[in-house]
Amino acid sequence: MKQTLFDAVGGLPTLQRVHKIFYDKVYAHDWLKLFFAGHSQEAIENRQTSFMAEKMGGDVVYMGKDLKAAHETMYITQELFEIRRALLDEAIKQAGVADALRERWLKIDSAFMKAIVKDSLDSFMATTWPYQKHIIIPKPADAPKSGK
């Protein structure tokens, strides 16, 4: 039987460690943290851990919202996604995950880009309901250009 990525990276303890490091970075980032205002970091970490555990082949059931539905009212640009991806890459490295496994992890994570990245503000506004609370957070003037 082929080993799952979930098992290969070390299961839940590794995912939990990576997501703790990752969300510490996200909640400290001048721009990304604004999308999480009022949301418990621990709850977000747990949700992300169960989501990725399921996607990596673990015996874990993700009970959260569908990815597209969870992000539909957020104006997430390609730049934001790339900053997030760079922070995740750093977190996986810091947690000591082998490079080949890190690349597989990032490939799975990047597969969800189309579900959450919006092409333009106009298309975003045209595809959401006017009564929905839209989360549109302009890039702060002093925000770093990369994930650092």
C-alpha atoms as a PDB file:
ATOM      1  CA  MET A   1       0.000   0.000   0.000  1.00  0.00           C
ATOM      2  CA  LYS A   2       1.326   3.437  -0.968  1.00  0.00           C
ATOM      3  CA  GLN A   3       2.117   5.767   1.926  1.00  0.00           C
ATOM      4  CA  THR A   4       0.009   8.932   2.047  1.00  0.00           C
ATOM      5  CA  LEU A   5       1.605  12.360   2.189  1.00  0.00           C
ATOM      6  CA  PHE A   6      -0.114  12.735   5.560  1.00  0.00           C
ATOM      7  CA  ASP A   7       1.811   9.746   6.939  1.00  0.00           C
ATOM      8  CA  ALA A   8       5.041  10.680   5.141  1.00  0.00           C
ATOM      9  CA  VAL A   9       5.212  14.142   6.742  1.00  0.00           C
ATOM     10  CA  GLY A  10       4.561  12.769  10.212  1.00  0.00           C
ATOM     11  CA  GLY A  11       0.779  12.994  10.581  1.00  0.00           C
ATOM     12  CA  LEU A  12      -1.148  15.411  12.785  1.00  0.00           C
ATOM     13  CA  PRO A  13       1.798  16.465  14.988  1.00  0.00           C
ATOM     14  CA  THR A  14       3.671  17.781  11.930  1.00  0.00           C
ATOM     15  CA  LEU A  15       0.635  19.495  10.434  1.00  0.00           C
ATOM     16  CA  GLN A  16      -0.124  21.115  13.789  1.00  0.00           C
ATOM     17  CA  ARG A  17       3.493  22.310  14.136  1.00  0.00           C
ATOM     18  CA  VAL A  18       3.561  23.719  10.583  1.00  0.00           C
ATOM     19  CA  HIS A  19       0.231  25.497  10.971  1.00  0.00           C
ATOM     20  CA  LYS A  20       1.253  27.026  14.324  1.00  0.00           C
ATOM     21  CA  ILE A  21       4.432  28.429  12.724  1.00  0.00           C
ATOM     22  CA  PHE A  22       2.512  29.472   9.605  1.00  0.00           C
ATOM     23  CA  TYR A  23      -0.303  31.297  11.381  1.00  0.00           C
ATOM     24  CA  ASP A  24       2.149  33.005  13.735  1.00  0.00           C
ATOM     25  CA  LYS A  25       3.614  34.481  10.536  1.00  0.00           C
ATOM     26  CA  VAL A  26       0.200  35.271   9.020  1.00  0.00           C
ATOM     27  CA  TYR A  27      -1.067  36.999  12.178  1.00  0.00           C
ATOM     28  CA  ALA A  28       2.155  39.065  12.279  1.00  0.00           C
ATOM     29  CA  HIS A  29       2.019  40.055   8.589  1.00  0.00           C
ATOM     30  CA  ASP A  30       0.903  43.669   8.042  1.00  0.00           C
ATOM     31  CA  TRP A  31      -1.582  42.761   5.296  1.00  0.00           C
ATOM     32  CA  LEU A  32      -2.624  39.144   5.801  1.00  0.00           C
ATOM     33  CA  LYS A  33      -3.452  39.613   9.475  1.00  0.00           C
ATOM     34  CA  LEU A  34      -6.222  42.037   8.523  1.00  0.00           C
ATOM     35  CA  PHE A  35      -8.212  39.185   6.941  1.00  0.00           C
ATOM     36  CA  PHE A  36      -8.211  37.341  10.283  1.00  0.00           C
ATOM     37  CA  ALA A  37      -9.227  40.183  12.603  1.00  0.00           C
ATOM     38  CA  GLY A  38     -11.623  38.879  15.215  1.00  0.00           C
ATOM     39  CA  HIS A  39     -10.897  35.212  14.430  1.00  0.00           C
ATOM     40  CA  SER A  40      -9.186  32.918  16.912  1.00  0.00           C
ATOM     41  CA  GLN A  41      -5.773  31.894  15.606  1.00  0.00           C
ATOM     42  CA  GLU A  42      -6.067  28.524  17.328  1.00  0.00           C
ATOM     43  CA  ALA A  43      -9.435  27.837  15.646  1.00  0.00           C
ATOM     44  CA  ILE A  44      -8.007  28.794  12.239  1.00  0.00           C
ATOM     45  CA  GLU A  45      -4.962  26.562  12.817  1.00  0.00           C
ATOM     46  CA  ASN A  46      -7.186  23.620  13.770  1.00  0.00           C
ATOM     47  CA  ARG A  47      -9.436  24.091  10.741  1.00  0.00           C
ATOM     48  CA  GLN A  48      -6.463  24.327   8.371  1.00  0.00           C
ATOM     49  CA  THR A  49      -4.885  21.257   9.971  1.00  0.00           C
ATOM     50  CA  SER A  50      -7.986  19.110   9.487  1.00  0.00           C
ATOM     51  CA  PHE A  51      -8.495  20.448   5.943  1.00  0.00           C
ATOM     52  CA  MET A  52      -4.949  19.622   4.855  1.00  0.00           C
ATOM     53  CA  ALA A  53      -4.907  16.315   6.762  1.00  0.00           C
ATOM     54  CA  GLU A  54      -7.913  15.175   4.751  1.00  0.00           C
ATOM     55  CA  LYS A  55      -6.428  16.434   1.468  1.00  0.00           C
ATOM     56  CA  MET A  56      -3.121  14.658   2.210  1.00  0.00           C
ATOM     57  CA  GLY A  57      -4.868  11.316   2.663  1.00  0.00           C
ATOM     58  CA  GLY A  58      -5.118  11.231   6.428  1.00  0.00           C
ATOM     59  CA  ASP A  59      -7.946   9.530   8.263  1.00  0.00           C
ATOM     60  CA  VAL A  60      -9.340  12.914   9.255  1.00  0.00           C
ATOM     61  CA  VAL A  61     -12.672  14.415   8.269  1.00  0.00           C
ATOM     62  CA  TYR A  62     -12.722  18.161   7.590  1.00  0.00           C
ATOM     63  CA  MET A  63     -15.936  19.583   9.019  1.00  0.00           C
ATOM     64  CA  GLY A  64     -15.491  23.206   7.916  1.00  0.00           C
ATOM     65  CA  LYS A  65     -17.053  25.145   5.076  1.00  0.00           C
ATOM     66  CA  ASP A  66     -16.344  24.376   1.456  1.00  0.00           C
ATOM     67  CA  LEU A  67     -13.185  26.257   0.472  1.00  0.00           C
ATOM     68  CA  LYS A  68     -14.852  28.399  -2.187  1.00  0.00           C
ATOM     69  CA  ALA A  69     -17.783  29.280   0.090  1.00  0.00           C
ATOM     70  CA  ALA A  70     -15.454  30.148   2.973  1.00  0.00           C
ATOM     71  CA  HIS A  71     -13.558  32.648   0.808  1.00  0.00           C
ATOM     72  CA  GLU A  72     -16.270  33.911  -1.536  1.00  0.00           C
ATOM     73  CA  THR A  73     -16.725  37.288   0.173  1.00  0.00           C
ATOM     74  CA  MET A  74     -12.972  37.936   0.474  1.00  0.00           C
ATOM     75  CA  TYR A  75     -11.184  39.826  -2.262  1.00  0.00           C
ATOM     76  CA  ILE A  76      -8.040  37.699  -2.443  1.00  0.00           C
ATOM     77  CA  THR A  77      -5.580  38.667  -5.158  1.00  0.00           C
ATOM     78  CA  GLN A  78      -2.829  36.643  -6.764  1.00  0.00           C
ATOM     79  CA  GLU A  79      -0.315  38.743  -4.810  1.00  0.00           C
ATOM     80  CA  LEU A  80      -1.983  37.854  -1.497  1.00  0.00           C
ATOM     81  CA  PHE A  81      -2.001  34.174  -2.431  1.00  0.00           C
ATOM     82  CA  GLU A  82       1.706  34.295  -3.301  1.00  0.00           C
ATOM     83  CA  ILE A  83       2.586  36.024  -0.017  1.00  0.00           C
ATOM     84  CA  ARG A  84       0.595  33.381   1.848  1.00  0.00           C
ATOM     85  CA  ARG A  85       2.309  30.613  -0.109  1.00  0.00           C
ATOM     86  CA  ALA A  86       5.770  32.036   0.708  1.00  0.00           C
ATOM     87  CA  LEU A  87       4.900  32.074   4.416  1.00  0.00           C
ATOM     88  CA  LEU A  88       3.637  28.499   4.233  1.00  0.00           C
ATOM     89  CA  ASP A  89       6.824  27.450   2.444  1.00  0.00           C
ATOM     90  CA  GLU A  90       8.916  29.048   5.218  1.00  0.00           C
ATOM     91  CA  ALA A  91       6.799  27.368   7.914  1.00  0.00           C
ATOM     92  CA  ILE A  92       7.123  23.915   6.345  1.00  0.00           C
ATOM     93  CA  LYS A  93      10.901  24.358   6.115  1.00  0.00           C
ATOM     94  CA  GLN A  94      11.142  25.609   9.709  1.00  0.00           C
ATOM     95  CA  ALA A  95       9.186  22.568  10.885  1.00  0.00           C
ATOM     96  CA  GLY A  96      11.848  20.336   9.351  1.00  0.00           C
ATOM     97  CA  VAL A  97       9.771  18.710   6.605  1.00  0.00           C
ATOM     98  CA  ALA A  98      11.957  17.196   3.861  1.00  0.00           C
ATOM     99  CA  ASP A  99      12.147  19.224   0.629  1.00  0.00           C
ATOM    100  CA  ALA A 100      10.466  16.573  -1.552  1.00  0.00           C
ATOM    101  CA  LEU A 101       7.540  16.367   0.888  1.00  0.00           C
ATOM    102  CA  ARG A 102       7.411  20.164   1.205  1.00  0.00           C
ATOM    103  CA  GLU A 103       7.057  20.429  -2.579  1.00  0.00           C
ATOM    104  CA  ARG A 104       4.209  17.902  -2.569  1.00  0.00           C
ATOM    105  CA  TRP A 105       2.511  19.818   0.267  1.00  0.00           C
ATOM    106  CA  LEU A 106       2.793  23.111  -1.619  1.00  0.00           C
ATOM    107  CA  LYS A 107       1.470  21.493  -4.796  1.00  0.00           C
ATOM    108  CA  ILE A 108      -1.669  20.343  -2.968  1.00  0.00           C
ATOM    109  CA  ASP A 109      -2.067  23.752  -1.331  1.00  0.00           C
ATOM    110  CA  SER A 110      -1.643  25.579  -4.654  1.00  0.00           C
ATOM    111  CA  ALA A 111      -4.326  23.420  -6.271  1.00  0.00           C
ATOM    112  CA  PHE A 112      -6.896  25.452  -4.323  1.00  0.00           C
ATOM    113  CA  MET A 113      -5.748  28.794  -5.721  1.00  0.00           C
ATOM    114  CA  LYS A 114      -8.472  28.933  -8.390  1.00  0.00           C
ATOM    115  CA  ALA A 115     -11.158  28.502  -5.751  1.00  0.00           C
ATOM    116  CA  ILE A 116     -10.088  31.540  -3.731  1.00  0.00           C
ATOM    117  CA  VAL A 117      -8.129  34.004  -5.933  1.00  0.00           C
ATOM    118  CA  LYS A 118     -10.220  36.654  -7.669  1.00  0.00           C
ATOM    119  CA  ASP A 119      -9.253  37.931 -11.134  1.00  0.00           C
ATOM    120  CA  SER A 120     -10.235  41.536 -10.497  1.00  0.00           C
ATOM    121  CA  LEU A 121     -12.247  43.677  -8.126  1.00  0.00           C
ATOM    122  CA  ASP A 122     -14.904  44.167 -10.823  1.00  0.00           C
ATOM    123  CA  SER A 123     -15.362  40.432 -11.390  1.00  0.00           C
ATOM    124  CA  PHE A 124     -15.373  39.841  -7.622  1.00  0.00           C
ATOM    125  CA  MET A 125     -18.144  42.401  -7.108  1.00  0.00           C
ATOM    126  CA  ALA A 126     -20.108  41.000 -10.046  1.00  0.00           C
ATOM    127  CA  THR A 127     -20.053  37.449  -8.680  1.00  0.00           C
ATOM    128  CA  THR A 128     -21.065  38.161  -5.078  1.00  0.00           C
ATOM    129  CA  TRP A 129     -24.406  39.269  -3.715  1.00  0.00           C
ATOM    130  CA  PRO A 130     -24.699  42.995  -2.965  1.00  0.00           C
ATOM    131  CA  TYR A 131     -26.036  42.293   0.548  1.00  0.00           C
ATOM    132  CA  GLN A 132     -22.994  40.220   1.496  1.00  0.00           C
ATOM    133  CA  LYS A 133     -20.320  41.810   3.647  1.00  0.00           C
ATOM    134  CA  HIS A 134     -17.361  42.092   1.289  1.00  0.00           C
ATOM    135  CA  ILE A 135     -13.895  41.831   2.771  1.00  0.00           C
ATOM    136  CA  ILE A 136     -11.709  44.075   0.653  1.00  0.00           C
ATOM    137  CA  ILE A 137      -8.459  45.046   2.312  1.00  0.00           C
ATOM    138  CA  PRO A 138      -6.123  47.269   0.299  1.00  0.00           C
ATOM    139  CA  LYS A 139      -2.436  46.573   0.621  1.00  0.00           C
ATOM    140  CA  PRO A 140      -0.961  48.722   3.401  1.00  0.00           C
ATOM    141  CA  ALA A 141       1.629  51.169   2.120  1.00  0.00           C
ATOM    142  CA  ASP A 142       4.294  49.661   4.358  1.00  0.00           C
ATOM    143  CA  ALA A 143       3.443  45.985   3.701  1.00  0.00           C
ATOM    144  CA  PRO A 144       6.385  43.875   2.552  1.00  0.00           C
ATOM    145  CA  LYS A 145       6.473  42.883  -1.106  1.00  0.00           C
ATOM    146  CA  SER A 146       7.121  39.221  -0.299  1.00  0.00           C
ATOM    147  CA  GLY A 147       6.164  36.851   2.455  1.00  0.00           C
ATOM    148  CA  LYS A 148       9.024  38.075   4.678  1.00  0.00           C
END
